[in-house]
PDB file of N, CA and C in Angstrom:
ATOM      1  N   MET A   1       0.817  -1.187   0.000  1.00  0.00           N
ATOM      2  CA  MET A   1       0.000   0.000   0.000  1.00  0.00           C
ATOM      3  C   MET A   1       0.870   1.263   0.000  1.00  0.00           C
ATOM      4  N   LEU A   2       1.836   1.336   0.908  1.00  0.00           N
ATOM      5  CA  LEU A   2       2.645   2.548   1.012  1.00  0.00           C
ATOM      6  C   LEU A   2       3.506   2.773  -0.224  1.00  0.00           C
ATOM      7  N   ASP A   3       3.836   1.706  -0.953  1.00  0.00           N
ATOM      8  CA  ASP A   3       4.641   1.851  -2.163  1.00  0.00           C
ATOM      9  C   ASP A   3       3.914   2.644  -3.235  1.00  0.00           C
ATOM     10  N   GLU A   4       2.596   2.619  -3.208  1.00  0.00           N
ATOM     11  CA  GLU A   4       1.793   3.260  -4.245  1.00  0.00           C
ATOM     12  C   GLU A   4       1.444   4.707  -3.918  1.00  0.00           C
ATOM     13  N   LEU A   5       1.795   5.192  -2.729  1.00  0.00           N
ATOM     14  CA  LEU A   5       1.437   6.549  -2.323  1.00  0.00           C
ATOM     15  C   LEU A   5       2.386   7.582  -2.913  1.00  0.00           C
ATOM     16  N   THR A   6       1.822   8.706  -3.311  1.00  0.00           N
ATOM     17  CA  THR A   6       2.639   9.843  -3.718  1.00  0.00           C
ATOM     18  C   THR A   6       3.129  10.538  -2.446  1.00  0.00           C
ATOM     19  N   PRO A   7       4.141  11.406  -2.531  1.00  0.00           N
ATOM     20  CA  PRO A   7       4.590  12.118  -1.326  1.00  0.00           C
ATOM     21  C   PRO A   7       3.454  12.898  -0.646  1.00  0.00           C
ATOM     22  N   ARG A   8       2.579  13.504  -1.432  1.00  0.00           N
ATOM     23  CA  ARG A   8       1.461  14.253  -0.836  1.00  0.00           C
ATOM     24  C   ARG A   8       0.503  13.305  -0.109  1.00  0.00           C
ATOM     25  N   GLN A   9       0.194  12.174  -0.717  1.00  0.00           N
ATOM     26  CA  GLN A   9      -0.690  11.201  -0.071  1.00  0.00           C
ATOM     27  C   GLN A   9      -0.051  10.661   1.205  1.00  0.00           C
ATOM     28  N   PHE A  10       1.261  10.465   1.172  1.00  0.00           N
ATOM     29  CA  PHE A  10       1.962   9.985   2.352  1.00  0.00           C
ATOM     30  C   PHE A  10       1.868  11.018   3.474  1.00  0.00           C
ATOM     31  N   ASP A  11       2.045  12.303   3.155  1.00  0.00           N
ATOM     32  CA  ASP A  11       1.902  13.367   4.153  1.00  0.00           C
ATOM     33  C   ASP A  11       0.490  13.385   4.730  1.00  0.00           C
ATOM     34  N   GLU A  12      -0.516  13.189   3.877  1.00  0.00           N
ATOM     35  CA  GLU A  12      -1.898  13.152   4.347  1.00  0.00           C
ATOM     36  C   GLU A  12      -2.123  11.948   5.255  1.00  0.00           C
ATOM     37  N   TRP A  13      -1.495  10.830   4.912  1.00  0.00           N
ATOM     38  CA  TRP A  13      -1.636   9.624   5.725  1.00  0.00           C
ATOM     39  C   TRP A  13      -1.017   9.840   7.106  1.00  0.00           C
ATOM     40  N   ILE A  14       0.158  10.484   7.142  1.00  0.00           N
ATOM     41  CA  ILE A  14       0.814  10.791   8.418  1.00  0.00           C
ATOM     42  C   ILE A  14      -0.068  11.737   9.243  1.00  0.00           C
ATOM     43  N   ALA A  15      -0.634  12.761   8.609  1.00  0.00           N
ATOM     44  CA  ALA A  15      -1.508  13.703   9.319  1.00  0.00           C
ATOM     45  C   ALA A  15      -2.734  12.978   9.870  1.00  0.00           C
ATOM     46  N   TYR A  16      -3.304  12.081   9.086  1.00  0.00           N
ATOM     47  CA  TYR A  16      -4.466  11.313   9.545  1.00  0.00           C
ATOM     48  C   TYR A  16      -4.092  10.448  10.749  1.00  0.00           C
ATOM     49  N   GLN A  17      -2.906   9.843  10.718  1.00  0.00           N
ATOM     50  CA  GLN A  17      -2.468   9.010  11.830  1.00  0.00           C
ATOM     51  C   GLN A  17      -2.330   9.828  13.118  1.00  0.00           C
ATOM     52  N   GLN A  18      -2.008  11.112  13.000  1.00  0.00           N
ATOM     53  CA  GLN A  18      -1.900  11.955  14.189  1.00  0.00           C
ATOM     54  C   GLN A  18      -3.272  12.288  14.753  1.00  0.00           C
ATOM     55  N   VAL A  19      -4.272  12.425  13.876  1.00  0.00           N
ATOM     56  CA  VAL A  19      -5.630  12.738  14.317  1.00  0.00           C
ATOM     57  C   VAL A  19      -6.347  11.468  14.784  1.00  0.00           C
ATOM     58  N   GLU A  20      -6.207  10.397  14.043  1.00  0.00           N
ATOM     59  CA  GLU A  20      -6.828   9.111  14.344  1.00  0.00           C
ATOM     60  C   GLU A  20      -5.718   8.079  14.557  1.00  0.00           C
ATOM     61  N   PRO A  21      -5.175   7.995  15.768  1.00  0.00           N
ATOM     62  CA  PRO A  21      -4.049   7.083  16.003  1.00  0.00           C
ATOM     63  C   PRO A  21      -4.413   5.627  15.735  1.00  0.00           C
ATOM     64  N   ASP A  22      -3.415   4.872  15.379  1.00  0.00           N
ATOM     65  CA  ASP A  22      -3.578   3.448  15.148  1.00  0.00           C
ATOM     66  C   ASP A  22      -3.970   2.771  16.455  1.00  0.00           C
ATOM     67  N   LYS A  23      -4.929   1.861  16.393  1.00  0.00           N
ATOM     68  CA  LYS A  23      -5.409   1.199  17.602  1.00  0.00           C
ATOM     69  C   LYS A  23      -4.304   0.381  18.271  1.00  0.00           C
ATOM     70  N   MET A  24      -3.425  -0.201  17.490  1.00  0.00           N
ATOM     71  CA  MET A  24      -2.329  -0.978  18.072  1.00  0.00           C
ATOM     72  C   MET A  24      -1.320  -0.066  18.780  1.00  0.00           C
ATOM     73  N   ASP A  25      -1.083   1.125  18.224  1.00  0.00           N
ATOM     74  CA  ASP A  25      -0.196   2.082  18.894  1.00  0.00           C
ATOM     75  C   ASP A  25      -0.801   2.522  20.222  1.00  0.00           C
ATOM     76  N   ARG A  26      -2.109   2.752  20.226  1.00  0.00           N
ATOM     77  CA  ARG A  26      -2.805   3.149  21.459  1.00  0.00           C
ATOM     78  C   ARG A  26      -2.708   2.023  22.494  1.00  0.00           C
ATOM     79  N   LEU A  27      -2.925   0.782  22.061  1.00  0.00           N
ATOM     80  CA  LEU A  27      -2.827  -0.357  22.972  1.00  0.00           C
ATOM     81  C   LEU A  27      -1.409  -0.485  23.520  1.00  0.00           C
ATOM     82  N   ARG A  28      -0.405  -0.296  22.660  1.00  0.00           N
ATOM     83  CA  ARG A  28       0.994  -0.368  23.090  1.00  0.00           C
ATOM     84  C   ARG A  28       1.280   0.696  24.149  1.00  0.00           C
ATOM     85  N   LEU A  29       0.756   1.897  23.961  1.00  0.00           N
ATOM     86  CA  LEU A  29       0.950   2.980  24.932  1.00  0.00           C
ATOM     87  C   LEU A  29       0.285   2.641  26.265  1.00  0.00           C
ATOM     88  N   ILE A  30      -0.919   2.102  26.214  1.00  0.00           N
ATOM     89  CA  ILE A  30      -1.631   1.727  27.444  1.00  0.00           C
ATOM     90  C   ILE A  30      -0.868   0.640  28.197  1.00  0.00           C
ATOM     91  N   LEU A  31      -0.417  -0.380  27.472  1.00  0.00           N
ATOM     92  CA  LEU A  31       0.318  -1.470  28.116  1.00  0.00           C
ATOM     93  C   LEU A  31       1.653  -0.997  28.685  1.00  0.00           C
ATOM     94  N   THR A  32       2.346  -0.138  27.949  1.00  0.00           N
ATOM     95  CA  THR A  32       3.620   0.395  28.442  1.00  0.00           C
ATOM     96  C   THR A  32       3.405   1.211  29.705  1.00  0.00           C
ATOM     97  N   THR A  33       2.393   2.066  29.704  1.00  0.00           N
ATOM     98  CA  THR A  33       2.111   2.898  30.872  1.00  0.00           C
ATOM     99  C   THR A  33       1.741   2.034  32.074  1.00  0.00           C
ATOM    100  N   GLY A  34       0.912   1.024  31.845  1.00  0.00           N
ATOM    101  CA  GLY A  34       0.530   0.128  32.932  1.00  0.00           C
ATOM    102  C   GLY A  34       1.712  -0.660  33.479  1.00  0.00           C
ATOM    103  N   PHE A  35       2.564  -1.140  32.582  1.00  0.00           N
ATOM    104  CA  PHE A  35       3.751  -1.895  33.010  1.00  0.00           C
ATOM    105  C   PHE A  35       4.690  -1.002  33.813  1.00  0.00           C
ATOM    106  N   LEU A  36       4.886   0.232  33.356  1.00  0.00           N
ATOM    107  CA  LEU A  36       5.760   1.154  34.092  1.00  0.00           C
ATOM    108  C   LEU A  36       5.187   1.462  35.470  1.00  0.00           C
ATOM    109  N   ALA A  37       3.857   1.644  35.561  1.00  0.00           N
ATOM    110  CA  ALA A  37       3.224   1.906  36.860  1.00  0.00           C
ATOM    111  C   ALA A  37       3.402   0.715  37.794  1.00  0.00           C
ATOM    112  N   LEU A  38       3.237  -0.492  37.268  1.00  0.00           N
ATOM    113  CA  LEU A  38       3.420  -1.702  38.067  1.00  0.00           C
ATOM    114  C   LEU A  38       4.864  -1.814  38.561  1.00  0.00           C
ATOM    115  N   CYS A  39       5.818  -1.575  37.668  1.00  0.00           N
ATOM    116  CA  CYS A  39       7.234  -1.629  38.060  1.00  0.00           C
ATOM    117  C   CYS A  39       7.549  -0.595  39.131  1.00  0.00           C
ATOM    118  N   ARG A  40       7.008   0.591  38.978  1.00  0.00           N
ATOM    119  CA  ARG A  40       7.273   1.641  39.968  1.00  0.00           C
ATOM    120  C   ARG A  40       6.662   1.292  41.312  1.00  0.00           C
ATOM    121  N   SER A  41       5.513   0.605  41.311  1.00  0.00           N
ATOM    122  CA  SER A  41       4.909   0.194  42.585  1.00  0.00           C
ATOM    123  C   SER A  41       5.774  -0.842  43.285  1.00  0.00           C
ATOM    124  N   TRP A  42       6.588  -1.570  42.538  1.00  0.00           N
ATOM    125  CA  TRP A  42       7.512  -2.552  43.109  1.00  0.00           C
ATOM    126  C   TRP A  42       8.868  -1.924  43.430  1.00  0.00           C
ATOM    127  N   GLY A  43       9.014  -0.638  43.183  1.00  0.00           N
ATOM    128  CA  GLY A  43      10.254   0.053  43.503  1.00  0.00           C
ATOM    129  C   GLY A  43      11.277   0.082  42.381  1.00  0.00           C
ATOM    130  N   VAL A  44      10.895  -0.344  41.179  1.00  0.00           N
ATOM    131  CA  VAL A  44      11.802  -0.326  40.031  1.00  0.00           C
ATOM    132  C   VAL A  44      11.501   0.933  39.225  1.00  0.00           C
ATOM    133  N   ASP A  45      12.504   1.792  39.076  1.00  0.00           N
ATOM    134  CA  ASP A  45      12.304   3.058  38.371  1.00  0.00           C
ATOM    135  C   ASP A  45      12.702   2.902  36.902  1.00  0.00           C
ATOM    136  N   LEU A  46      11.730   2.630  36.056  1.00  0.00           N
ATOM    137  CA  LEU A  46      11.957   2.489  34.618  1.00  0.00           C
ATOM    138  C   LEU A  46      11.399   3.703  33.891  1.00  0.00           C
ATOM    139  N   THR A  47      11.945   3.965  32.727  1.00  0.00           N
ATOM    140  CA  THR A  47      11.405   4.998  31.848  1.00  0.00           C
ATOM    141  C   THR A  47      10.983   4.336  30.536  1.00  0.00           C
ATOM    142  N   PRO A  48      10.106   4.981  29.763  1.00  0.00           N
ATOM    143  CA  PRO A  48       9.720   4.399  28.469  1.00  0.00           C
ATOM    144  C   PRO A  48      10.922   4.142  27.570  1.00  0.00           C
ATOM    145  N   GLU A  49      11.956   4.987  27.668  1.00  0.00           N
ATOM    146  CA  GLU A  49      13.146   4.816  26.839  1.00  0.00           C
ATOM    147  C   GLU A  49      13.887   3.521  27.165  1.00  0.00           C
ATOM    148  N   MET A  50      13.783   3.065  28.412  1.00  0.00           N
ATOM    149  CA  MET A  50      14.427   1.811  28.795  1.00  0.00           C
ATOM    150  C   MET A  50      13.745   0.609  28.140  1.00  0.00           C
ATOM    151  N   LEU A  51      12.459   0.748  27.873  1.00  0.00           N
ATOM    152  CA  LEU A  51      11.711  -0.333  27.224  1.00  0.00           C
ATOM    153  C   LEU A  51      11.840  -0.288  25.711  1.00  0.00           C
ATOM    154  N   ASP A  52      12.005   0.909  25.163  1.00  0.00           N
ATOM    155  CA  ASP A  52      12.118   1.068  23.712  1.00  0.00           C
ATOM    156  C   ASP A  52      13.229   2.059  23.407  1.00  0.00           C
ATOM    157  N   PRO A  53      14.441   1.581  23.138  1.00  0.00           N
ATOM    158  CA  PRO A  53      15.576   2.470  22.891  1.00  0.00           C
ATOM    159  C   PRO A  53      15.358   3.425  21.720  1.00  0.00           C
ATOM    160  N   ALA A  54      14.465   3.094  20.815  1.00  0.00           N
ATOM    161  CA  ALA A  54      14.200   3.984  19.681  1.00  0.00           C
ATOM    162  C   ALA A  54      13.619   5.313  20.152  1.00  0.00           C
ATOM    163  N   LEU A  55      12.920   5.328  21.277  1.00  0.00           N
ATOM    164  CA  LEU A  55      12.363   6.578  21.804  1.00  0.00           C
ATOM    165  C   LEU A  55      13.477   7.531  22.202  1.00  0.00           C
ATOM    166  N   GLU A  56      14.494   7.020  22.849  1.00  0.00           N
ATOM    167  CA  GLU A  56      15.603   7.859  23.314  1.00  0.00           C
ATOM    168  C   GLU A  56      16.388   8.446  22.153  1.00  0.00           C
ATOM    169  N   SER A  57      16.637   7.643  21.137  1.00  0.00           N
ATOM    170  CA  SER A  57      17.449   8.116  20.029  1.00  0.00           C
ATOM    171  C   SER A  57      16.691   9.096  19.142  1.00  0.00           C
ATOM    172  N   ALA A  58      15.367   9.089  19.201  1.00  0.00           N
ATOM    173  CA  ALA A  58      14.582   9.964  18.335  1.00  0.00           C
ATOM    174  C   ALA A  58      14.257  11.304  18.978  1.00  0.00           C
ATOM    175  N   GLN A  59      14.426  11.427  20.284  1.00  0.00           N
ATOM    176  CA  GLN A  59      14.055  12.661  20.958  1.00  0.00           C
ATOM    177  C   GLN A  59      14.991  13.800  20.584  1.00  0.00           C
ATOM    178  N   GLY A  60      14.390  14.923  20.199  1.00  0.00           N
ATOM    179  CA  GLY A  60      15.158  16.113  19.904  1.00  0.00           C
ATOM    180  C   GLY A  60      15.904  16.087  18.591  1.00  0.00           C
ATOM    181  N   GLN A  61      15.598  15.141  17.725  1.00  0.00           N
ATOM    182  CA  GLN A  61      16.287  15.049  16.452  1.00  0.00           C
ATOM    183  C   GLN A  61      15.294  15.265  15.322  1.00  0.00           C
ATOM    184  N   GLU A  62      15.748  15.942  14.298  1.00  0.00           N
ATOM    185  CA  GLU A  62      14.936  16.095  13.107  1.00  0.00           C
ATOM    186  C   GLU A  62      15.057  14.834  12.264  1.00  0.00           C
ATOM    187  N   VAL A  63      13.958  14.442  11.656  1.00  0.00           N
ATOM    188  CA  VAL A  63      13.943  13.239  10.825  1.00  0.00           C
ATOM    189  C   VAL A  63      13.584  13.662   9.411  1.00  0.00           C
ATOM    190  N   SER A  64      14.381  13.251   8.466  1.00  0.00           N
ATOM    191  CA  SER A  64      14.100  13.581   7.070  1.00  0.00           C
ATOM    192  C   SER A  64      12.923  12.745   6.575  1.00  0.00           C
ATOM    193  N   PRO A  65      12.262  13.187   5.500  1.00  0.00           N
ATOM    194  CA  PRO A  65      11.158  12.392   4.945  1.00  0.00           C
ATOM    195  C   PRO A  65      11.585  10.972   4.573  1.00  0.00           C
ATOM    196  N   ALA A  66      12.804  10.817   4.072  1.00  0.00           N
ATOM    197  CA  ALA A  66      13.283   9.479   3.714  1.00  0.00           C
ATOM    198  C   ALA A  66      13.445   8.604   4.961  1.00  0.00           C
ATOM    199  N   GLN A  67      13.952   9.202   6.052  1.00  0.00           N
ATOM    200  CA  GLN A  67      14.093   8.444   7.297  1.00  0.00           C
ATOM    201  C   GLN A  67      12.724   8.089   7.865  1.00  0.00           C
ATOM    202  N   ALA A  68      11.781   9.026   7.792  1.00  0.00           N
ATOM    203  CA  ALA A  68      10.424   8.765   8.278  1.00  0.00           C
ATOM    204  C   ALA A  68       9.790   7.627   7.487  1.00  0.00           C
ATOM    205  N   GLU A  69       9.968   7.649   6.185  1.00  0.00           N
ATOM    206  CA  GLU A  69       9.419   6.585   5.350  1.00  0.00           C
ATOM    207  C   GLU A  69      10.040   5.242   5.724  1.00  0.00           C
ATOM    208  N   ALA A  70      11.339   5.217   5.957  1.00  0.00           N
ATOM    209  CA  ALA A  70      12.021   3.979   6.334  1.00  0.00           C
ATOM    210  C   ALA A  70      11.505   3.459   7.669  1.00  0.00           C
ATOM    211  N   MET A  71      11.258   4.371   8.611  1.00  0.00           N
ATOM    212  CA  MET A  71      10.741   3.948   9.917  1.00  0.00           C
ATOM    213  C   MET A  71       9.338   3.369   9.795  1.00  0.00           C
ATOM    214  N   VAL A  72       8.497   4.010   8.970  1.00  0.00           N
ATOM    215  CA  VAL A  72       7.137   3.497   8.765  1.00  0.00           C
ATOM    216  C   VAL A  72       7.185   2.134   8.110  1.00  0.00           C
ATOM    217  N   ARG A  73       8.011   1.995   7.102  1.00  0.00           N
ATOM    218  CA  ARG A  73       8.136   0.698   6.418  1.00  0.00           C
ATOM    219  C   ARG A  73       8.624  -0.389   7.374  1.00  0.00           C
ATOM    220  N   ALA A  74       9.584  -0.046   8.233  1.00  0.00           N
ATOM    221  CA  ALA A  74      10.095  -1.021   9.187  1.00  0.00           C
ATOM    222  C   ALA A  74       9.028  -1.399  10.200  1.00  0.00           C
ATOM    223  N   ALA A  75       8.245  -0.400  10.646  1.00  0.00           N
ATOM    224  CA  ALA A  75       7.203  -0.667  11.637  1.00  0.00           C
ATOM    225  C   ALA A  75       6.111  -1.560  11.072  1.00  0.00           C
ATOM    226  N   TYR A  76       5.811  -1.402   9.796  1.00  0.00           N
ATOM    227  CA  TYR A  76       4.735  -2.179   9.187  1.00  0.00           C
ATOM    228  C   TYR A  76       5.272  -3.341   8.355  1.00  0.00           C
ATOM    229  N   HIS A  77       6.572  -3.581   8.415  1.00  0.00           N
ATOM    230  CA  HIS A  77       7.213  -4.698   7.708  1.00  0.00           C
ATOM    231  C   HIS A  77       6.868  -4.720   6.233  1.00  0.00           C
ATOM    232  N   CYS A  78       6.944  -3.550   5.602  1.00  0.00           N
ATOM    233  CA  CYS A  78       6.624  -3.451   4.166  1.00  0.00           C
ATOM    234  C   CYS A  78       7.810  -3.820   3.327  1.00  0.00           C
TER     235      CYS A  78
END
């Protein structure tokens, strides 16, 4: 599907994903938050970056359209 999108359609798809998040991404966020809360109740101080190193490396960095496309393709195994 993503191979057939024009750059404009891809931008629209990204914008739509920000307005209507993917249900699996929402579930992943809920599970991560719950797991972190459980760990903290046991005295283990974890951060989301400890569970997903990609979060730490992406913070504060600009991503080119080509890098964004590569990340989307990797996430969806295209």
